[in-house]
Amino acid sequence: MIHNLQDSDRVNMTSFWGDTIYASASEICEKLGVKITCYDGDKTNFEFELETDDGTAFTIYDWKEGDWVTEDTRLYYHIGARSADESKKALEAIKGLGL
């Protein structure tokens, strides 16, 4: 199970380790049962601050593609985590929920 993170400080200093998912923001919300955390940030259009049941904190975000992106635009979203192992763990949890 994946859910929205309550303490956003836990995803500070996360990095991209090469893991991505191809989806839209609306698909991420629907399949994972989560809400968008940030709209139209400095570097992203949509960002999700999440954690797995075992407490692995991570983000899902698009690297700002431009103003043409909507919640229904399918593109590659990055997974941000504190380590490559945590990124893989998050990716497996995401795949387990149908993305």
PDB file of N, CA and C in Angstrom:
ATOM      1  N   MET A   1       0.833  -1.177   0.000  1.00  0.00           N
ATOM      2  CA  MET A   1       0.000   0.000   0.000  1.00  0.00           C
ATOM      3  C   MET A   1       0.883   1.248   0.000  1.00  0.00           C
ATOM      4  N   ILE A   2       0.400   2.273  -0.642  1.00  0.00           N
ATOM      5  CA  ILE A   2       1.097   3.557  -0.707  1.00  0.00           C
ATOM      6  C   ILE A   2       0.119   4.623  -0.246  1.00  0.00           C
ATOM      7  N   HIS A   3       0.607   5.604   0.494  1.00  0.00           N
ATOM      8  CA  HIS A   3      -0.263   6.694   0.914  1.00  0.00           C
ATOM      9  C   HIS A   3       0.509   8.005   0.949  1.00  0.00           C
ATOM     10  N   ASN A   4      -0.230   9.120   0.979  1.00  0.00           N
ATOM     11  CA  ASN A   4       0.412  10.429   1.044  1.00  0.00           C
ATOM     12  C   ASN A   4       1.208  10.551   2.325  1.00  0.00           C
ATOM     13  N   LEU A   5       2.354  11.169   2.216  1.00  0.00           N
ATOM     14  CA  LEU A   5       3.250  11.384   3.340  1.00  0.00           C
ATOM     15  C   LEU A   5       2.714  12.504   4.218  1.00  0.00           C
ATOM     16  N   GLN A   6       2.737  12.330   5.520  1.00  0.00           N
ATOM     17  CA  GLN A   6       2.256  13.351   6.452  1.00  0.00           C
ATOM     18  C   GLN A   6       3.340  14.374   6.795  1.00  0.00           C
ATOM     19  N   ASP A   7       4.602  13.969   6.746  1.00  0.00           N
ATOM     20  CA  ASP A   7       5.719  14.844   7.117  1.00  0.00           C
ATOM     21  C   ASP A   7       6.612  15.030   5.893  1.00  0.00           C
ATOM     22  N   SER A   8       6.414  16.129   5.168  1.00  0.00           N
ATOM     23  CA  SER A   8       7.154  16.329   3.919  1.00  0.00           C
ATOM     24  C   SER A   8       8.659  16.496   4.138  1.00  0.00           C
ATOM     25  N   ASP A   9       9.103  16.754   5.359  1.00  0.00           N
ATOM     26  CA  ASP A   9      10.542  16.828   5.630  1.00  0.00           C
ATOM     27  C   ASP A   9      11.242  15.502   5.335  1.00  0.00           C
ATOM     28  N   ARG A  10      10.486  14.416   5.370  1.00  0.00           N
ATOM     29  CA  ARG A  10      11.085  13.090   5.152  1.00  0.00           C
ATOM     30  C   ARG A  10      11.508  12.869   3.706  1.00  0.00           C
ATOM     31  N   VAL A  11      11.055  13.712   2.770  1.00  0.00           N
ATOM     32  CA  VAL A  11      11.484  13.562   1.380  1.00  0.00           C
ATOM     33  C   VAL A  11      12.492  14.635   0.967  1.00  0.00           C
ATOM     34  N   ASN A  12      12.923  15.462   1.931  1.00  0.00           N
ATOM     35  CA  ASN A  12      14.002  16.398   1.636  1.00  0.00           C
ATOM     36  C   ASN A  12      15.254  15.608   1.273  1.00  0.00           C
ATOM     37  N   MET A  13      15.982  16.111   0.299  1.00  0.00           N
ATOM     38  CA  MET A  13      17.255  15.500  -0.128  1.00  0.00           C
ATOM     39  C   MET A  13      17.068  14.159  -0.828  1.00  0.00           C
ATOM     40  N   THR A  14      15.897  13.906  -1.390  1.00  0.00           N
ATOM     41  CA  THR A  14      15.746  12.716  -2.223  1.00  0.00           C
ATOM     42  C   THR A  14      16.310  13.028  -3.603  1.00  0.00           C
ATOM     43  N   SER A  15      16.680  11.996  -4.326  1.00  0.00           N
ATOM     44  CA  SER A  15      17.300  12.144  -5.641  1.00  0.00           C
ATOM     45  C   SER A  15      16.692  11.164  -6.624  1.00  0.00           C
ATOM     46  N   PHE A  16      16.918  11.446  -7.889  1.00  0.00           N
ATOM     47  CA  PHE A  16      16.498  10.566  -8.971  1.00  0.00           C
ATOM     48  C   PHE A  16      17.570   9.512  -9.189  1.00  0.00           C
ATOM     49  N   TRP A  17      17.175   8.233  -9.147  1.00  0.00           N
ATOM     50  CA  TRP A  17      18.107   7.116  -9.292  1.00  0.00           C
ATOM     51  C   TRP A  17      17.882   6.341 -10.588  1.00  0.00           C
ATOM     52  N   GLY A  18      17.153   6.943 -11.528  1.00  0.00           N
ATOM     53  CA  GLY A  18      16.945   6.317 -12.827  1.00  0.00           C
ATOM     54  C   GLY A  18      15.631   5.579 -12.995  1.00  0.00           C
ATOM     55  N   ASP A  19      14.813   5.497 -11.945  1.00  0.00           N
ATOM     56  CA  ASP A  19      13.536   4.781 -12.036  1.00  0.00           C
ATOM     57  C   ASP A  19      12.426   5.738 -12.441  1.00  0.00           C
ATOM     58  N   THR A  20      11.624   5.303 -13.418  1.00  0.00           N
ATOM     59  CA  THR A  20      10.512   6.123 -13.906  1.00  0.00           C
ATOM     60  C   THR A  20       9.259   5.266 -14.076  1.00  0.00           C
ATOM     61  N   ILE A  21       8.134   5.964 -14.160  1.00  0.00           N
ATOM     62  CA  ILE A  21       6.878   5.323 -14.547  1.00  0.00           C
ATOM     63  C   ILE A  21       6.268   6.182 -15.648  1.00  0.00           C
ATOM     64  N   TYR A  22       5.552   5.558 -16.567  1.00  0.00           N
ATOM     65  CA  TYR A  22       4.875   6.276 -17.640  1.00  0.00           C
ATOM     66  C   TYR A  22       3.400   6.317 -17.303  1.00  0.00           C
ATOM     67  N   ALA A  23       2.899   7.510 -17.017  1.00  0.00           N
ATOM     68  CA  ALA A  23       1.510   7.663 -16.565  1.00  0.00           C
ATOM     69  C   ALA A  23       1.122   9.131 -16.652  1.00  0.00           C
ATOM     70  N   SER A  24      -0.110   9.410 -16.295  1.00  0.00           N
ATOM     71  CA  SER A  24      -0.565  10.787 -16.121  1.00  0.00           C
ATOM     72  C   SER A  24      -0.761  11.020 -14.621  1.00  0.00           C
ATOM     73  N   ALA A  25      -0.819  12.278 -14.232  1.00  0.00           N
ATOM     74  CA  ALA A  25      -1.059  12.599 -12.822  1.00  0.00           C
ATOM     75  C   ALA A  25      -2.395  12.016 -12.364  1.00  0.00           C
ATOM     76  N   SER A  26      -3.398  12.078 -13.231  1.00  0.00           N
ATOM     77  CA  SER A  26      -4.709  11.534 -12.839  1.00  0.00           C
ATOM     78  C   SER A  26      -4.653  10.017 -12.681  1.00  0.00           C
ATOM     79  N   GLU A  27      -3.863   9.321 -13.515  1.00  0.00           N
ATOM     80  CA  GLU A  27      -3.708   7.865 -13.357  1.00  0.00           C
ATOM     81  C   GLU A  27      -2.997   7.530 -12.049  1.00  0.00           C
ATOM     82  N   ILE A  28      -1.986   8.313 -11.712  1.00  0.00           N
ATOM     83  CA  ILE A  28      -1.264   8.082 -10.456  1.00  0.00           C
ATOM     84  C   ILE A  28      -2.232   8.214  -9.280  1.00  0.00           C
ATOM     85  N   CYS A  29      -3.039   9.279  -9.296  1.00  0.00           N
ATOM     86  CA  CYS A  29      -4.028   9.481  -8.222  1.00  0.00           C
ATOM     87  C   CYS A  29      -4.988   8.306  -8.143  1.00  0.00           C
ATOM     88  N   GLU A  30      -5.486   7.886  -9.294  1.00  0.00           N
ATOM     89  CA  GLU A  30      -6.488   6.813  -9.331  1.00  0.00           C
ATOM     90  C   GLU A  30      -5.915   5.468  -8.908  1.00  0.00           C
ATOM     91  N   LYS A  31      -4.807   5.071  -9.499  1.00  0.00           N
ATOM     92  CA  LYS A  31      -4.241   3.741  -9.233  1.00  0.00           C
ATOM     93  C   LYS A  31      -3.648   3.620  -7.829  1.00  0.00           C
ATOM     94  N   LEU A  32      -3.020   4.699  -7.341  1.00  0.00           N
ATOM     95  CA  LEU A  32      -2.368   4.628  -6.038  1.00  0.00           C
ATOM     96  C   LEU A  32      -3.272   5.104  -4.909  1.00  0.00           C
ATOM     97  N   GLY A  33      -4.382   5.746  -5.250  1.00  0.00           N
ATOM     98  CA  GLY A  33      -5.288   6.244  -4.215  1.00  0.00           C
ATOM     99  C   GLY A  33      -4.693   7.395  -3.419  1.00  0.00           C
ATOM    100  N   VAL A  34      -3.938   8.273  -4.093  1.00  0.00           N
ATOM    101  CA  VAL A  34      -3.263   9.388  -3.424  1.00  0.00           C
ATOM    102  C   VAL A  34      -3.681  10.704  -4.071  1.00  0.00           C
ATOM    103  N   LYS A  35      -3.242  11.799  -3.459  1.00  0.00           N
ATOM    104  CA  LYS A  35      -3.521  13.136  -3.976  1.00  0.00           C
ATOM    105  C   LYS A  35      -2.224  13.806  -4.410  1.00  0.00           C
ATOM    106  N   ILE A  36      -2.356  14.725  -5.356  1.00  0.00           N
ATOM    107  CA  ILE A  36      -1.205  15.522  -5.790  1.00  0.00           C
ATOM    108  C   ILE A  36      -0.799  16.420  -4.633  1.00  0.00           C
ATOM    109  N   THR A  37       0.499  16.480  -4.349  1.00  0.00           N
ATOM    110  CA  THR A  37       1.004  17.280  -3.240  1.00  0.00           C
ATOM    111  C   THR A  37       1.337  18.699  -3.685  1.00  0.00           C
ATOM    112  N   CYS A  38       1.888  18.828  -4.884  1.00  0.00           N
ATOM    113  CA  CYS A  38       2.340  20.136  -5.353  1.00  0.00           C
ATOM    114  C   CYS A  38       1.938  20.321  -6.811  1.00  0.00           C
ATOM    115  N   TYR A  39       1.335  21.463  -7.108  1.00  0.00           N
ATOM    116  CA  TYR A  39       1.006  21.849  -8.479  1.00  0.00           C
ATOM    117  C   TYR A  39       1.948  22.960  -8.915  1.00  0.00           C
ATOM    118  N   ASP A  40       2.453  22.859 -10.123  1.00  0.00           N
ATOM    119  CA  ASP A  40       3.204  23.942 -10.754  1.00  0.00           C
ATOM    120  C   ASP A  40       4.322  24.490  -9.880  1.00  0.00           C
ATOM    121  N   GLY A  41       5.217  23.601  -9.474  1.00  0.00           N
ATOM    122  CA  GLY A  41       6.379  24.029  -8.708  1.00  0.00           C
ATOM    123  C   GLY A  41       7.440  24.650  -9.600  1.00  0.00           C
ATOM    124  N   ASP A  42       8.564  25.003  -9.014  1.00  0.00           N
ATOM    125  CA  ASP A  42       9.653  25.596  -9.788  1.00  0.00           C
ATOM    126  C   ASP A  42      10.203  24.643 -10.835  1.00  0.00           C
ATOM    127  N   LYS A  43      10.293  23.373 -10.500  1.00  0.00           N
ATOM    128  CA  LYS A  43      10.908  22.398 -11.403  1.00  0.00           C
ATOM    129  C   LYS A  43       9.953  21.307 -11.869  1.00  0.00           C
ATOM    130  N   THR A  44       8.752  21.295 -11.335  1.00  0.00           N
ATOM    131  CA  THR A  44       7.782  20.249 -11.679  1.00  0.00           C
ATOM    132  C   THR A  44       6.411  20.856 -11.940  1.00  0.00           C
ATOM    133  N   ASN A  45       5.610  20.135 -12.705  1.00  0.00           N
ATOM    134  CA  ASN A  45       4.202  20.501 -12.841  1.00  0.00           C
ATOM    135  C   ASN A  45       3.383  19.828 -11.747  1.00  0.00           C
ATOM    136  N   PHE A  46       3.684  18.546 -11.502  1.00  0.00           N
ATOM    137  CA  PHE A  46       2.958  17.771 -10.494  1.00  0.00           C
ATOM    138  C   PHE A  46       3.960  16.984  -9.660  1.00  0.00           C
ATOM    139  N   GLU A  47       3.716  16.944  -8.366  1.00  0.00           N
ATOM    140  CA  GLU A  47       4.593  16.191  -7.468  1.00  0.00           C
ATOM    141  C   GLU A  47       3.742  15.497  -6.412  1.00  0.00           C
ATOM    142  N   PHE A  48       4.162  14.294  -6.073  1.00  0.00           N
ATOM    143  CA  PHE A  48       3.503  13.488  -5.045  1.00  0.00           C
ATOM    144  C   PHE A  48       4.540  13.157  -3.982  1.00  0.00           C
ATOM    145  N   GLU A  49       4.231  13.392  -2.718  1.00  0.00           N
ATOM    146  CA  GLU A  49       5.091  13.010  -1.599  1.00  0.00           C
ATOM    147  C   GLU A  49       4.419  11.823  -0.923  1.00  0.00           C
ATOM    148  N   LEU A  50       5.073  10.676  -0.978  1.00  0.00           N
ATOM    149  CA  LEU A  50       4.421   9.417  -0.615  1.00  0.00           C
ATOM    150  C   LEU A  50       5.284   8.573   0.306  1.00  0.00           C
ATOM    151  N   GLU A  51       4.671   7.521   0.834  1.00  0.00           N
ATOM    152  CA  GLU A  51       5.426   6.503   1.565  1.00  0.00           C
ATOM    153  C   GLU A  51       4.726   5.167   1.450  1.00  0.00           C
ATOM    154  N   THR A  52       5.532   4.124   1.567  1.00  0.00           N
ATOM    155  CA  THR A  52       5.003   2.768   1.562  1.00  0.00           C
ATOM    156  C   THR A  52       4.620   2.392   2.997  1.00  0.00           C
ATOM    157  N   ASP A  53       3.935   1.271   3.156  1.00  0.00           N
ATOM    158  CA  ASP A  53       3.542   0.822   4.490  1.00  0.00           C
ATOM    159  C   ASP A  53       4.730   0.574   5.407  1.00  0.00           C
ATOM    160  N   ASP A  54       5.879   0.226   4.820  1.00  0.00           N
ATOM    161  CA  ASP A  54       7.053  -0.017   5.671  1.00  0.00           C
ATOM    162  C   ASP A  54       7.819   1.265   5.994  1.00  0.00           C
ATOM    163  N   GLY A  55       7.269   2.433   5.566  1.00  0.00           N
ATOM    164  CA  GLY A  55       7.874   3.712   5.925  1.00  0.00           C
ATOM    165  C   GLY A  55       8.867   4.271   4.933  1.00  0.00           C
ATOM    166  N   THR A  56       9.010   3.644   3.767  1.00  0.00           N
ATOM    167  CA  THR A  56       9.914   4.174   2.749  1.00  0.00           C
ATOM    168  C   THR A  56       9.288   5.424   2.135  1.00  0.00           C
ATOM    169  N   ALA A  57       9.924   6.576   2.362  1.00  0.00           N
ATOM    170  CA  ALA A  57       9.426   7.848   1.842  1.00  0.00           C
ATOM    171  C   ALA A  57      10.018   8.090   0.453  1.00  0.00           C
ATOM    172  N   PHE A  58       9.186   8.596  -0.473  1.00  0.00           N
ATOM    173  CA  PHE A  58       9.660   8.873  -1.830  1.00  0.00           C
ATOM    174  C   PHE A  58       8.756   9.887  -2.498  1.00  0.00           C
ATOM    175  N   THR A  59       9.197  10.390  -3.625  1.00  0.00           N
ATOM    176  CA  THR A  59       8.390  11.306  -4.422  1.00  0.00           C
ATOM    177  C   THR A  59       8.188  10.725  -5.808  1.00  0.00           C
ATOM    178  N   ILE A  60       7.109  11.155  -6.437  1.00  0.00           N
ATOM    179  CA  ILE A  60       6.888  10.923  -7.857  1.00  0.00           C
ATOM    180  C   ILE A  60       6.691  12.317  -8.444  1.00  0.00           C
ATOM    181  N   TYR A  61       7.434  12.649  -9.502  1.00  0.00           N
ATOM    182  CA  TYR A  61       7.339  13.989 -10.060  1.00  0.00           C
ATOM    183  C   TYR A  61       7.696  13.980 -11.536  1.00  0.00           C
ATOM    184  N   ASP A  62       7.118  14.943 -12.264  1.00  0.00           N
ATOM    185  CA  ASP A  62       7.544  15.147 -13.641  1.00  0.00           C
ATOM    186  C   ASP A  62       8.599  16.241 -13.608  1.00  0.00           C
ATOM    187  N   TRP A  63       9.635  16.083 -14.417  1.00  0.00           N
ATOM    188  CA  TRP A  63      10.600  17.162 -14.541  1.00  0.00           C
ATOM    189  C   TRP A  63       9.963  18.150 -15.488  1.00  0.00           C
ATOM    190  N   LYS A  64       9.780  19.362 -15.068  1.00  0.00           N
ATOM    191  CA  LYS A  64       8.915  20.340 -15.736  1.00  0.00           C
ATOM    192  C   LYS A  64       9.032  20.277 -17.256  1.00  0.00           C
ATOM    193  N   GLU A  65       7.943  19.836 -17.869  1.00  0.00           N
ATOM    194  CA  GLU A  65       7.859  19.670 -19.307  1.00  0.00           C
ATOM    195  C   GLU A  65       7.372  20.936 -19.990  1.00  0.00           C
ATOM    196  N   GLY A  66       6.691  21.799 -19.281  1.00  0.00           N
ATOM    197  CA  GLY A  66       6.144  23.016 -19.868  1.00  0.00           C
ATOM    198  C   GLY A  66       4.682  23.194 -19.530  1.00  0.00           C
ATOM    199  N   ASP A  67       4.134  24.317 -19.957  1.00  0.00           N
ATOM    200  CA  ASP A  67       2.762  24.670 -19.623  1.00  0.00           C
ATOM    201  C   ASP A  67       1.720  23.811 -20.322  1.00  0.00           C
ATOM    202  N   TRP A  68       2.114  23.036 -21.307  1.00  0.00           N
ATOM    203  CA  TRP A  68       1.170  22.202 -22.049  1.00  0.00           C
ATOM    204  C   TRP A  68       0.722  20.968 -21.272  1.00  0.00           C
ATOM    205  N   VAL A  69       1.374  20.637 -20.169  1.00  0.00           N
ATOM    206  CA  VAL A  69       1.069  19.433 -19.396  1.00  0.00           C
ATOM    207  C   VAL A  69      -0.185  19.654 -18.545  1.00  0.00           C
ATOM    208  N   THR A  70      -1.117  18.705 -18.632  1.00  0.00           N
ATOM    209  CA  THR A  70      -2.315  18.723 -17.792  1.00  0.00           C
ATOM    210  C   THR A  70      -2.301  17.463 -16.926  1.00  0.00           C
ATOM    211  N   GLU A  71      -3.279  17.319 -16.057  1.00  0.00           N
ATOM    212  CA  GLU A  71      -3.370  16.133 -15.207  1.00  0.00           C
ATOM    213  C   GLU A  71      -3.577  14.860 -16.023  1.00  0.00           C
ATOM    214  N   ASP A  72      -4.038  14.993 -17.260  1.00  0.00           N
ATOM    215  CA  ASP A  72      -4.288  13.821 -18.103  1.00  0.00           C
ATOM    216  C   ASP A  72      -3.189  13.547 -19.122  1.00  0.00           C
ATOM    217  N   THR A  73      -2.126  14.341 -19.121  1.00  0.00           N
ATOM    218  CA  THR A  73      -1.005  14.130 -20.042  1.00  0.00           C
ATOM    219  C   THR A  73      -0.156  12.970 -19.553  1.00  0.00           C
ATOM    220  N   ARG A  74       0.023  11.968 -20.398  1.00  0.00           N
ATOM    221  CA  ARG A  74       0.888  10.832 -20.045  1.00  0.00           C
ATOM    222  C   ARG A  74       2.325  11.191 -20.381  1.00  0.00           C
ATOM    223  N   LEU A  75       3.215  11.006 -19.423  1.00  0.00           N
ATOM    224  CA  LEU A  75       4.639  11.242 -19.627  1.00  0.00           C
ATOM    225  C   LEU A  75       5.429  10.459 -18.593  1.00  0.00           C
ATOM    226  N   TYR A  76       6.738  10.525 -18.698  1.00  0.00           N
ATOM    227  CA  TYR A  76       7.579   9.809 -17.737  1.00  0.00           C
ATOM    228  C   TYR A  76       7.711  10.618 -16.455  1.00  0.00           C
ATOM    229  N   TYR A  77       7.324  10.005 -15.353  1.00  0.00           N
ATOM    230  CA  TYR A  77       7.480  10.595 -14.025  1.00  0.00           C
ATOM    231  C   TYR A  77       8.686   9.955 -13.355  1.00  0.00           C
ATOM    232  N   HIS A  78       9.479  10.772 -12.691  1.00  0.00           N
ATOM    233  CA  HIS A  78      10.653  10.301 -11.958  1.00  0.00           C
ATOM    234  C   HIS A  78      10.240   9.858 -10.559  1.00  0.00           C
ATOM    235  N   ILE A  79      10.984   8.917 -10.026  1.00  0.00           N
ATOM    236  CA  ILE A  79      10.845   8.538  -8.621  1.00  0.00           C
ATOM    237  C   ILE A  79      12.053   9.109  -7.892  1.00  0.00           C
ATOM    238  N   GLY A  80      11.807   9.848  -6.836  1.00  0.00           N
ATOM    239  CA  GLY A  80      12.885  10.397  -6.016  1.00  0.00           C
ATOM    240  C   GLY A  80      12.933   9.648  -4.693  1.00  0.00           C
ATOM    241  N   ALA A  81      14.139   9.246  -4.297  1.00  0.00           N
ATOM    242  CA  ALA A  81      14.297   8.499  -3.039  1.00  0.00           C
ATOM    243  C   ALA A  81      15.669   8.825  -2.447  1.00  0.00           C
ATOM    244  N   ARG A  82      15.911   8.337  -1.255  1.00  0.00           N
ATOM    245  CA  ARG A  82      17.195   8.605  -0.588  1.00  0.00           C
ATOM    246  C   ARG A  82      18.315   7.668  -1.044  1.00  0.00           C
ATOM    247  N   SER A  83      17.939   6.559  -1.682  1.00  0.00           N
ATOM    248  CA  SER A  83      18.951   5.622  -2.176  1.00  0.00           C
ATOM    249  C   SER A  83      18.385   4.865  -3.373  1.00  0.00           C
ATOM    250  N   ALA A  84      19.272   4.228  -4.113  1.00  0.00           N
ATOM    251  CA  ALA A  84      18.834   3.416  -5.254  1.00  0.00           C
ATOM    252  C   ALA A  84      17.946   2.265  -4.781  1.00  0.00           C
ATOM    253  N   ASP A  85      18.278   1.663  -3.645  1.00  0.00           N
ATOM    254  CA  ASP A  85      17.459   0.565  -3.113  1.00  0.00           C
ATOM    255  C   ASP A  85      16.055   1.035  -2.750  1.00  0.00           C
ATOM    256  N   GLU A  86      15.949   2.201  -2.117  1.00  0.00           N
ATOM    257  CA  GLU A  86      14.627   2.726  -1.762  1.00  0.00           C
ATOM    258  C   GLU A  86      13.834   3.099  -3.014  1.00  0.00           C
ATOM    259  N   SER A  87      14.517   3.589  -4.038  1.00  0.00           N
ATOM    260  CA  SER A  87      13.849   3.907  -5.299  1.00  0.00           C
ATOM    261  C   SER A  87      13.265   2.644  -5.927  1.00  0.00           C
ATOM    262  N   LYS A  88      14.036   1.569  -5.936  1.00  0.00           N
ATOM    263  CA  LYS A  88      13.554   0.287  -6.480  1.00  0.00           C
ATOM    264  C   LYS A  88      12.381  -0.241  -5.656  1.00  0.00           C
ATOM    265  N   LYS A  89      12.460  -0.107  -4.335  1.00  0.00           N
ATOM    266  CA  LYS A  89      11.376  -0.560  -3.459  1.00  0.00           C
ATOM    267  C   LYS A  89      10.097   0.219  -3.766  1.00  0.00           C
ATOM    268  N   ALA A  90      10.216   1.531  -3.948  1.00  0.00           N
ATOM    269  CA  ALA A  90       9.054   2.358  -4.304  1.00  0.00           C
ATOM    270  C   ALA A  90       8.502   1.957  -5.664  1.00  0.00           C
ATOM    271  N   LEU A  91       9.387   1.742  -6.634  1.00  0.00           N
ATOM    272  CA  LEU A  91       8.955   1.346  -7.971  1.00  0.00           C
ATOM    273  C   LEU A  91       8.185   0.026  -7.931  1.00  0.00           C
ATOM    274  N   GLU A  92       8.656  -0.936  -7.187  1.00  0.00           N
ATOM    275  CA  GLU A  92       7.962  -2.223  -7.068  1.00  0.00           C
ATOM    276  C   GLU A  92       6.581  -2.054  -6.431  1.00  0.00           C
ATOM    277  N   ALA A  93       6.488  -1.204  -5.411  1.00  0.00           N
ATOM    278  CA  ALA A  93       5.192  -0.955  -4.777  1.00  0.00           C
ATOM    279  C   ALA A  93       4.230  -0.290  -5.760  1.00  0.00           C
ATOM    280  N   ILE A  94       4.752   0.643  -6.554  1.00  0.00           N
ATOM    281  CA  ILE A  94       3.931   1.333  -7.553  1.00  0.00           C
ATOM    282  C   ILE A  94       3.449   0.341  -8.608  1.00  0.00           C
ATOM    283  N   LYS A  95       4.352  -0.493  -9.094  1.00  0.00           N
ATOM    284  CA  LYS A  95       3.978  -1.506 -10.103  1.00  0.00           C
ATOM    285  C   LYS A  95       2.944  -2.467  -9.540  1.00  0.00           C
ATOM    286  N   GLY A  96       3.060  -2.798  -8.265  1.00  0.00           N
ATOM    287  CA  GLY A  96       2.118  -3.707  -7.626  1.00  0.00           C
ATOM    288  C   GLY A  96       0.697  -3.156  -7.569  1.00  0.00           C
ATOM    289  N   LEU A  97       0.582  -1.844  -7.746  1.00  0.00           N
ATOM    290  CA  LEU A  97      -0.746  -1.212  -7.730  1.00  0.00           C
ATOM    291  C   LEU A  97      -1.243  -0.881  -9.142  1.00  0.00           C
ATOM    292  N   GLY A  98      -0.566  -1.416 -10.135  1.00  0.00           N
ATOM    293  CA  GLY A  98      -1.082  -1.312 -11.499  1.00  0.00           C
ATOM    294  C   GLY A  98      -0.503  -0.233 -12.381  1.00  0.00           C
ATOM    295  N   LEU A  99       0.582   0.407 -11.981  1.00  0.00           N
ATOM    296  CA  LEU A  99       1.234   1.394 -12.863  1.00  0.00           C
ATOM    297  C   LEU A  99       2.526   0.833 -13.423  1.00  0.00           C
TER     298      LEU A  99
END
